[in-house]
Amino acid sequence: MGIAAWADGEQQTRQVPLLPAYQQECAACHMAYPPAYLPAESWRRLMHTLPTHFGSDASLDTATAAAVSDWLGSHAGTYKRVREAPPENRITRTRWFIKKHDEVPAATWARPAIKSAANCSACHPQAEKGDFNEHRIRIPR
């Protein structure tokens, strides 16, 4: 099983072989984001700052950190939409994310069932499988 990821700027998808350590370690706290959603430089920075990962200590042992870092770098986004590292290396601060979600009012992100723009699966029921199809969006009230 893999994570669907954009193969290019046309939102074509390809299956990326899932790294069990990434699923186990990263999805323990948040969705295991498709690696193509950030450029390799952003993933490298995130992996080097795990002790302060968005306010949490997400440290990994050396071998696991190396495996996850290599996997993220190998499957990182390379197409036009993600060439630039976003502010703070946040997927939600990428130009493509902002453009795709520009019609979502700020108050929507604060709803208890959503909590933040980073909680993809709140509105995209198949996000864990890499399916972000806009026709399947369900925005919680």
N, C-alpha and C. Protein backbone atom coordinates (compact mmCIF):
# COMPACT_ATOMS: atom_id res chain seq x y z
N MET A 1 0.85 -1.18 0.00
CA MET A 1 0.00 0.00 0.00
C MET A 1 0.89 1.23 0.00
N GLY A 2 0.40 2.29 -0.59
CA GLY A 2 1.19 3.50 -0.66
C GLY A 2 0.34 4.73 -0.43
N ILE A 3 0.98 5.85 -0.51
CA ILE A 3 0.31 7.14 -0.39
C ILE A 3 0.25 7.74 -1.78
N ALA A 4 -0.92 8.16 -2.19
CA ALA A 4 -1.02 8.83 -3.48
C ALA A 4 -0.39 10.21 -3.34
N ALA A 5 0.33 10.61 -4.33
CA ALA A 5 0.98 11.91 -4.30
C ALA A 5 0.93 12.52 -5.68
N TRP A 6 0.88 13.84 -5.72
CA TRP A 6 0.88 14.49 -7.02
C TRP A 6 2.18 14.17 -7.72
N ALA A 7 2.08 13.71 -8.94
CA ALA A 7 3.28 13.42 -9.71
C ALA A 7 3.78 14.66 -10.43
N ASP A 8 2.89 15.59 -10.66
CA ASP A 8 3.27 16.84 -11.32
C ASP A 8 2.22 17.90 -11.02
N GLY A 9 2.35 19.06 -11.63
CA GLY A 9 1.45 20.17 -11.38
C GLY A 9 0.05 19.96 -11.89
N GLU A 10 -0.21 18.88 -12.57
CA GLU A 10 -1.55 18.63 -13.11
C GLU A 10 -2.38 17.76 -12.17
N GLN A 11 -1.92 17.56 -10.98
CA GLN A 11 -2.61 16.76 -9.97
C GLN A 11 -2.80 15.31 -10.41
N GLN A 12 -1.94 14.83 -11.26
CA GLN A 12 -1.96 13.42 -11.57
C GLN A 12 -1.38 12.72 -10.35
N THR A 13 -1.85 11.54 -10.07
CA THR A 13 -1.34 10.88 -8.88
C THR A 13 -0.52 9.66 -9.25
N ARG A 14 0.35 9.32 -8.34
CA ARG A 14 1.12 8.09 -8.46
C ARG A 14 1.21 7.53 -7.05
N GLN A 15 1.33 6.25 -6.97
CA GLN A 15 1.46 5.63 -5.66
C GLN A 15 2.91 5.68 -5.22
N VAL A 16 3.13 6.11 -4.02
CA VAL A 16 4.45 6.14 -3.41
C VAL A 16 4.47 5.01 -2.40
N PRO A 17 5.45 4.12 -2.46
CA PRO A 17 5.50 3.04 -1.48
C PRO A 17 5.62 3.62 -0.07
N LEU A 18 4.74 3.20 0.80
CA LEU A 18 4.69 3.74 2.15
C LEU A 18 5.82 3.18 3.00
N LEU A 19 6.52 4.04 3.69
CA LEU A 19 7.56 3.63 4.62
C LEU A 19 6.90 3.39 5.97
N PRO A 20 6.92 2.16 6.48
CA PRO A 20 6.25 1.87 7.76
C PRO A 20 6.69 2.79 8.90
N ALA A 21 7.97 3.12 8.96
CA ALA A 21 8.45 4.00 10.04
C ALA A 21 7.83 5.39 9.94
N TYR A 22 7.62 5.89 8.74
CA TYR A 22 6.98 7.19 8.56
C TYR A 22 5.54 7.12 9.05
N GLN A 23 4.84 6.09 8.64
CA GLN A 23 3.45 5.91 9.07
C GLN A 23 3.38 5.79 10.59
N GLN A 24 4.23 4.96 11.16
CA GLN A 24 4.20 4.72 12.61
C GLN A 24 4.57 5.95 13.41
N GLU A 25 5.64 6.60 13.04
CA GLU A 25 6.14 7.73 13.83
C GLU A 25 5.37 9.03 13.59
N CYS A 26 5.15 9.36 12.35
CA CYS A 26 4.54 10.65 12.03
C CYS A 26 3.02 10.63 12.19
N ALA A 27 2.40 9.56 11.75
CA ALA A 27 0.94 9.46 11.84
C ALA A 27 0.47 9.20 13.27
N ALA A 28 1.38 9.01 14.19
CA ALA A 28 1.00 8.86 15.60
C ALA A 28 0.44 10.18 16.14
N CYS A 29 0.86 11.30 15.54
CA CYS A 29 0.41 12.62 16.01
C CYS A 29 -0.44 13.38 15.00
N HIS A 30 -0.22 13.14 13.74
CA HIS A 30 -0.95 13.85 12.69
C HIS A 30 -1.00 12.97 11.45
N MET A 31 -1.71 13.42 10.47
CA MET A 31 -1.80 12.67 9.23
C MET A 31 -0.40 12.47 8.63
N ALA A 32 -0.17 11.33 8.03
CA ALA A 32 1.09 11.09 7.31
C ALA A 32 0.97 11.79 5.95
N TYR A 33 1.40 13.03 5.91
CA TYR A 33 1.24 13.83 4.70
C TYR A 33 1.99 13.22 3.52
N PRO A 34 1.41 13.28 2.33
CA PRO A 34 2.13 12.80 1.15
C PRO A 34 3.45 13.57 1.01
N PRO A 35 4.56 12.88 0.82
CA PRO A 35 5.85 13.57 0.75
C PRO A 35 5.97 14.56 -0.40
N ALA A 36 5.18 14.40 -1.44
CA ALA A 36 5.25 15.32 -2.58
C ALA A 36 4.65 16.69 -2.27
N TYR A 37 4.08 16.86 -1.10
CA TYR A 37 3.46 18.14 -0.76
C TYR A 37 4.47 19.19 -0.31
N LEU A 38 5.72 18.79 -0.10
CA LEU A 38 6.78 19.74 0.24
C LEU A 38 8.03 19.40 -0.57
N PRO A 39 8.87 20.40 -0.83
CA PRO A 39 10.13 20.11 -1.51
C PRO A 39 11.11 19.43 -0.55
N ALA A 40 12.12 18.80 -1.10
CA ALA A 40 13.10 18.07 -0.28
C ALA A 40 13.73 18.96 0.78
N GLU A 41 14.00 20.22 0.45
CA GLU A 41 14.62 21.13 1.41
C GLU A 41 13.74 21.32 2.64
N SER A 42 12.45 21.43 2.46
CA SER A 42 11.54 21.57 3.61
C SER A 42 11.56 20.31 4.47
N TRP A 43 11.51 19.15 3.83
CA TRP A 43 11.56 17.89 4.61
C TRP A 43 12.88 17.79 5.37
N ARG A 44 13.98 18.20 4.72
CA ARG A 44 15.28 18.14 5.39
C ARG A 44 15.27 19.03 6.64
N ARG A 45 14.74 20.24 6.50
CA ARG A 45 14.67 21.15 7.65
C ARG A 45 13.79 20.58 8.75
N LEU A 46 12.65 20.04 8.37
CA LEU A 46 11.74 19.46 9.36
C LEU A 46 12.40 18.30 10.11
N MET A 47 13.10 17.46 9.38
CA MET A 47 13.75 16.31 10.01
C MET A 47 14.90 16.74 10.93
N HIS A 48 15.52 17.88 10.65
CA HIS A 48 16.61 18.36 11.50
C HIS A 48 16.12 19.14 12.71
N THR A 49 14.83 19.41 12.76
CA THR A 49 14.28 20.16 13.90
C THR A 49 13.21 19.36 14.65
N LEU A 50 13.31 18.04 14.61
CA LEU A 50 12.31 17.20 15.28
C LEU A 50 12.20 17.44 16.80
N PRO A 51 13.28 17.79 17.51
CA PRO A 51 13.12 18.05 18.95
C PRO A 51 12.18 19.23 19.25
N THR A 52 11.96 20.10 18.26
CA THR A 52 11.05 21.25 18.45
C THR A 52 10.01 21.29 17.34
N HIS A 53 9.54 20.14 16.92
CA HIS A 53 8.62 19.99 15.79
C HIS A 53 7.27 20.64 16.08
N PHE A 54 7.10 21.87 15.62
CA PHE A 54 5.86 22.62 15.81
C PHE A 54 5.39 22.58 17.27
N GLY A 55 6.36 22.77 18.19
CA GLY A 55 6.04 22.84 19.60
C GLY A 55 6.07 21.52 20.34
N SER A 56 6.39 20.44 19.66
CA SER A 56 6.45 19.11 20.29
C SER A 56 7.81 18.48 20.03
N ASP A 57 8.21 17.60 20.94
CA ASP A 57 9.44 16.84 20.73
C ASP A 57 9.09 15.59 19.96
N ALA A 58 9.46 15.56 18.70
CA ALA A 58 9.18 14.41 17.83
C ALA A 58 10.47 13.66 17.49
N SER A 59 11.43 13.71 18.40
CA SER A 59 12.73 13.08 18.16
C SER A 59 12.60 11.61 17.81
N LEU A 60 13.48 11.16 16.93
CA LEU A 60 13.53 9.76 16.52
C LEU A 60 14.95 9.25 16.75
N ASP A 61 15.07 7.93 16.89
CA ASP A 61 16.42 7.38 16.98
C ASP A 61 17.13 7.63 15.65
N THR A 62 18.44 7.57 15.68
CA THR A 62 19.24 7.93 14.51
C THR A 62 18.89 7.13 13.27
N ALA A 63 18.75 5.82 13.41
CA ALA A 63 18.46 4.97 12.25
C ALA A 63 17.09 5.28 11.65
N THR A 64 16.08 5.45 12.51
CA THR A 64 14.74 5.76 12.02
C THR A 64 14.71 7.12 11.36
N ALA A 65 15.36 8.10 11.99
CA ALA A 65 15.40 9.45 11.42
C ALA A 65 16.07 9.43 10.04
N ALA A 66 17.13 8.66 9.89
CA ALA A 66 17.82 8.58 8.60
C ALA A 66 16.93 7.93 7.55
N ALA A 67 16.24 6.85 7.93
CA ALA A 67 15.36 6.16 6.98
C ALA A 67 14.21 7.05 6.54
N VAL A 68 13.58 7.73 7.49
CA VAL A 68 12.45 8.61 7.17
C VAL A 68 12.94 9.79 6.33
N SER A 69 14.05 10.36 6.70
CA SER A 69 14.60 11.50 5.96
C SER A 69 14.93 11.11 4.52
N ASP A 70 15.57 9.97 4.34
CA ASP A 70 15.89 9.49 2.99
C ASP A 70 14.63 9.27 2.17
N TRP A 71 13.62 8.66 2.78
CA TRP A 71 12.36 8.36 2.09
C TRP A 71 11.65 9.66 1.68
N LEU A 72 11.58 10.61 2.61
CA LEU A 72 10.94 11.89 2.30
C LEU A 72 11.68 12.61 1.18
N GLY A 73 13.01 12.61 1.25
CA GLY A 73 13.79 13.26 0.21
C GLY A 73 13.62 12.61 -1.15
N SER A 74 13.51 11.29 -1.16
CA SER A 74 13.34 10.56 -2.42
C SER A 74 11.98 10.79 -3.07
N HIS A 75 10.98 11.09 -2.26
CA HIS A 75 9.62 11.24 -2.78
C HIS A 75 9.08 12.66 -2.63
N ALA A 76 9.97 13.60 -2.32
CA ALA A 76 9.56 15.00 -2.14
C ALA A 76 9.06 15.59 -3.45
N GLY A 77 8.29 16.65 -3.31
CA GLY A 77 7.77 17.33 -4.49
C GLY A 77 8.87 17.98 -5.31
N THR A 78 8.75 17.85 -6.61
CA THR A 78 9.73 18.46 -7.50
C THR A 78 9.06 19.31 -8.57
N TYR A 79 7.75 19.27 -8.62
CA TYR A 79 7.03 19.99 -9.66
C TYR A 79 6.85 21.45 -9.28
N LYS A 80 6.36 22.22 -10.19
CA LYS A 80 6.27 23.68 -10.06
C LYS A 80 5.62 24.15 -8.76
N ARG A 81 4.55 23.51 -8.35
CA ARG A 81 3.81 24.00 -7.18
C ARG A 81 4.57 23.90 -5.87
N VAL A 82 5.54 23.04 -5.78
CA VAL A 82 6.24 22.88 -4.50
C VAL A 82 7.74 23.10 -4.59
N ARG A 83 8.20 23.74 -5.62
CA ARG A 83 9.64 23.97 -5.73
C ARG A 83 10.17 24.87 -4.62
N GLU A 84 9.38 25.85 -4.22
CA GLU A 84 9.79 26.78 -3.17
C GLU A 84 9.41 26.25 -1.81
N ALA A 85 10.34 26.34 -0.87
CA ALA A 85 10.02 25.96 0.50
C ALA A 85 9.06 27.01 1.07
N PRO A 86 7.93 26.59 1.64
CA PRO A 86 6.98 27.55 2.19
C PRO A 86 7.47 28.11 3.52
N PRO A 87 6.89 29.23 3.95
CA PRO A 87 7.25 29.77 5.26
C PRO A 87 7.08 28.71 6.35
N GLU A 88 8.08 28.61 7.20
CA GLU A 88 8.07 27.67 8.33
C GLU A 88 7.93 26.21 7.88
N ASN A 89 8.15 25.94 6.60
CA ASN A 89 8.04 24.57 6.06
C ASN A 89 6.67 23.96 6.30
N ARG A 90 5.65 24.78 6.31
CA ARG A 90 4.29 24.31 6.56
C ARG A 90 3.55 24.09 5.25
N ILE A 91 2.97 22.92 5.10
CA ILE A 91 2.17 22.62 3.91
C ILE A 91 1.06 23.64 3.76
N THR A 92 0.47 24.04 4.88
CA THR A 92 -0.65 24.99 4.84
C THR A 92 -0.23 26.40 4.44
N ARG A 93 1.06 26.65 4.32
CA ARG A 93 1.55 27.96 3.90
C ARG A 93 2.07 27.95 2.47
N THR A 94 1.95 26.81 1.80
CA THR A 94 2.37 26.74 0.40
C THR A 94 1.40 27.53 -0.46
N ARG A 95 1.89 28.04 -1.56
CA ARG A 95 1.02 28.80 -2.47
C ARG A 95 -0.13 27.95 -2.98
N TRP A 96 0.15 26.69 -3.35
CA TRP A 96 -0.91 25.84 -3.90
C TRP A 96 -1.97 25.55 -2.85
N PHE A 97 -1.58 25.34 -1.58
CA PHE A 97 -2.56 25.07 -0.53
C PHE A 97 -3.46 26.29 -0.34
N ILE A 98 -2.85 27.44 -0.24
CA ILE A 98 -3.62 28.68 -0.05
C ILE A 98 -4.57 28.91 -1.22
N LYS A 99 -4.10 28.69 -2.43
CA LYS A 99 -4.96 28.87 -3.60
C LYS A 99 -6.12 27.88 -3.61
N LYS A 100 -5.85 26.62 -3.27
CA LYS A 100 -6.91 25.60 -3.27
C LYS A 100 -7.93 25.83 -2.16
N HIS A 101 -7.55 26.51 -1.10
CA HIS A 101 -8.43 26.70 0.05
C HIS A 101 -8.83 28.16 0.26
N ASP A 102 -8.65 28.99 -0.76
CA ASP A 102 -8.92 30.42 -0.59
C ASP A 102 -10.38 30.74 -0.30
N GLU A 103 -11.29 29.83 -0.62
CA GLU A 103 -12.71 30.07 -0.36
C GLU A 103 -13.14 29.62 1.04
N VAL A 104 -12.23 29.04 1.79
CA VAL A 104 -12.56 28.56 3.14
C VAL A 104 -12.36 29.71 4.13
N PRO A 105 -13.44 30.16 4.79
CA PRO A 105 -13.31 31.25 5.76
C PRO A 105 -12.44 30.84 6.95
N ALA A 106 -11.72 31.78 7.52
CA ALA A 106 -10.84 31.50 8.65
C ALA A 106 -11.58 30.85 9.81
N ALA A 107 -12.83 31.23 10.03
CA ALA A 107 -13.62 30.65 11.13
C ALA A 107 -13.85 29.15 10.94
N THR A 108 -13.86 28.70 9.71
CA THR A 108 -14.06 27.27 9.44
C THR A 108 -12.91 26.45 10.01
N TRP A 109 -11.68 26.93 9.85
CA TRP A 109 -10.52 26.20 10.37
C TRP A 109 -10.57 26.06 11.89
N ALA A 110 -11.23 27.00 12.56
CA ALA A 110 -11.28 26.99 14.02
C ALA A 110 -12.40 26.12 14.59
N ARG A 111 -13.23 25.55 13.74
CA ARG A 111 -14.31 24.70 14.25
C ARG A 111 -13.73 23.53 15.05
N PRO A 112 -14.40 23.15 16.14
CA PRO A 112 -13.88 22.06 16.98
C PRO A 112 -13.59 20.76 16.23
N ALA A 113 -14.38 20.44 15.23
CA ALA A 113 -14.17 19.19 14.49
C ALA A 113 -13.02 19.30 13.48
N ILE A 114 -12.55 20.52 13.23
CA ILE A 114 -11.47 20.72 12.26
C ILE A 114 -10.17 21.08 12.98
N LYS A 115 -10.21 22.05 13.85
CA LYS A 115 -9.10 22.51 14.67
C LYS A 115 -8.06 23.34 13.94
N SER A 116 -7.64 22.92 12.74
CA SER A 116 -6.66 23.71 11.99
C SER A 116 -6.64 23.28 10.53
N ALA A 117 -6.04 24.10 9.71
CA ALA A 117 -5.92 23.79 8.28
C ALA A 117 -5.05 22.56 8.06
N ALA A 118 -4.23 22.20 9.01
CA ALA A 118 -3.35 21.03 8.88
C ALA A 118 -4.07 19.71 9.09
N ASN A 119 -5.31 19.76 9.55
CA ASN A 119 -6.09 18.54 9.80
C ASN A 119 -6.85 18.15 8.54
N CYS A 120 -6.14 17.71 7.54
CA CYS A 120 -6.72 17.41 6.22
C CYS A 120 -7.90 16.45 6.29
N SER A 121 -7.77 15.41 7.09
CA SER A 121 -8.80 14.37 7.12
C SER A 121 -10.12 14.85 7.72
N ALA A 122 -10.14 16.03 8.35
CA ALA A 122 -11.40 16.56 8.87
C ALA A 122 -12.38 16.83 7.73
N CYS A 123 -11.88 17.31 6.61
CA CYS A 123 -12.73 17.65 5.47
C CYS A 123 -12.56 16.71 4.28
N HIS A 124 -11.41 16.07 4.22
CA HIS A 124 -11.11 15.12 3.14
C HIS A 124 -11.12 13.72 3.74
N PRO A 125 -12.27 13.03 3.71
CA PRO A 125 -12.39 11.73 4.38
C PRO A 125 -11.39 10.67 3.91
N GLN A 126 -10.89 10.80 2.71
CA GLN A 126 -9.94 9.81 2.18
C GLN A 126 -8.50 10.35 2.17
N ALA A 127 -8.24 11.38 2.94
CA ALA A 127 -6.90 12.00 2.95
C ALA A 127 -5.81 11.01 3.31
N GLU A 128 -6.07 10.12 4.24
CA GLU A 128 -5.06 9.14 4.65
C GLU A 128 -4.63 8.25 3.49
N LYS A 129 -5.47 8.15 2.49
CA LYS A 129 -5.14 7.35 1.30
C LYS A 129 -4.60 8.23 0.17
N GLY A 130 -4.43 9.53 0.46
CA GLY A 130 -3.92 10.45 -0.54
C GLY A 130 -4.98 10.98 -1.49
N ASP A 131 -6.25 10.78 -1.14
CA ASP A 131 -7.35 11.24 -1.99
C ASP A 131 -7.89 12.56 -1.46
N PHE A 132 -7.60 13.63 -2.18
CA PHE A 132 -8.05 14.97 -1.80
C PHE A 132 -9.03 15.52 -2.82
N ASN A 133 -9.73 14.65 -3.50
CA ASN A 133 -10.66 15.04 -4.56
C ASN A 133 -11.69 16.01 -4.00
N GLU A 134 -11.83 17.16 -4.65
CA GLU A 134 -12.74 18.19 -4.15
C GLU A 134 -14.20 17.77 -4.19
N HIS A 135 -14.54 16.77 -4.97
CA HIS A 135 -15.92 16.30 -5.04
C HIS A 135 -16.30 15.43 -3.85
N ARG A 136 -15.32 15.05 -3.04
CA ARG A 136 -15.59 14.22 -1.87
C ARG A 136 -15.38 14.98 -0.55
N ILE A 137 -15.24 16.28 -0.64
CA ILE A 137 -15.04 17.09 0.56
C ILE A 137 -16.31 17.12 1.40
N ARG A 138 -16.14 16.99 2.70
CA ARG A 138 -17.24 17.08 3.67
C ARG A 138 -16.76 17.99 4.80
N ILE A 139 -17.25 19.22 4.82
CA ILE A 139 -16.80 20.18 5.83
C ILE A 139 -17.68 20.04 7.07
N PRO A 140 -17.08 19.66 8.20
CA PRO A 140 -17.85 19.51 9.44
C PRO A 140 -18.43 20.84 9.91
N ARG A 141 -19.58 20.77 10.52
CA ARG A 141 -20.23 21.97 11.07
C ARG A 141 -19.73 22.27 12.45
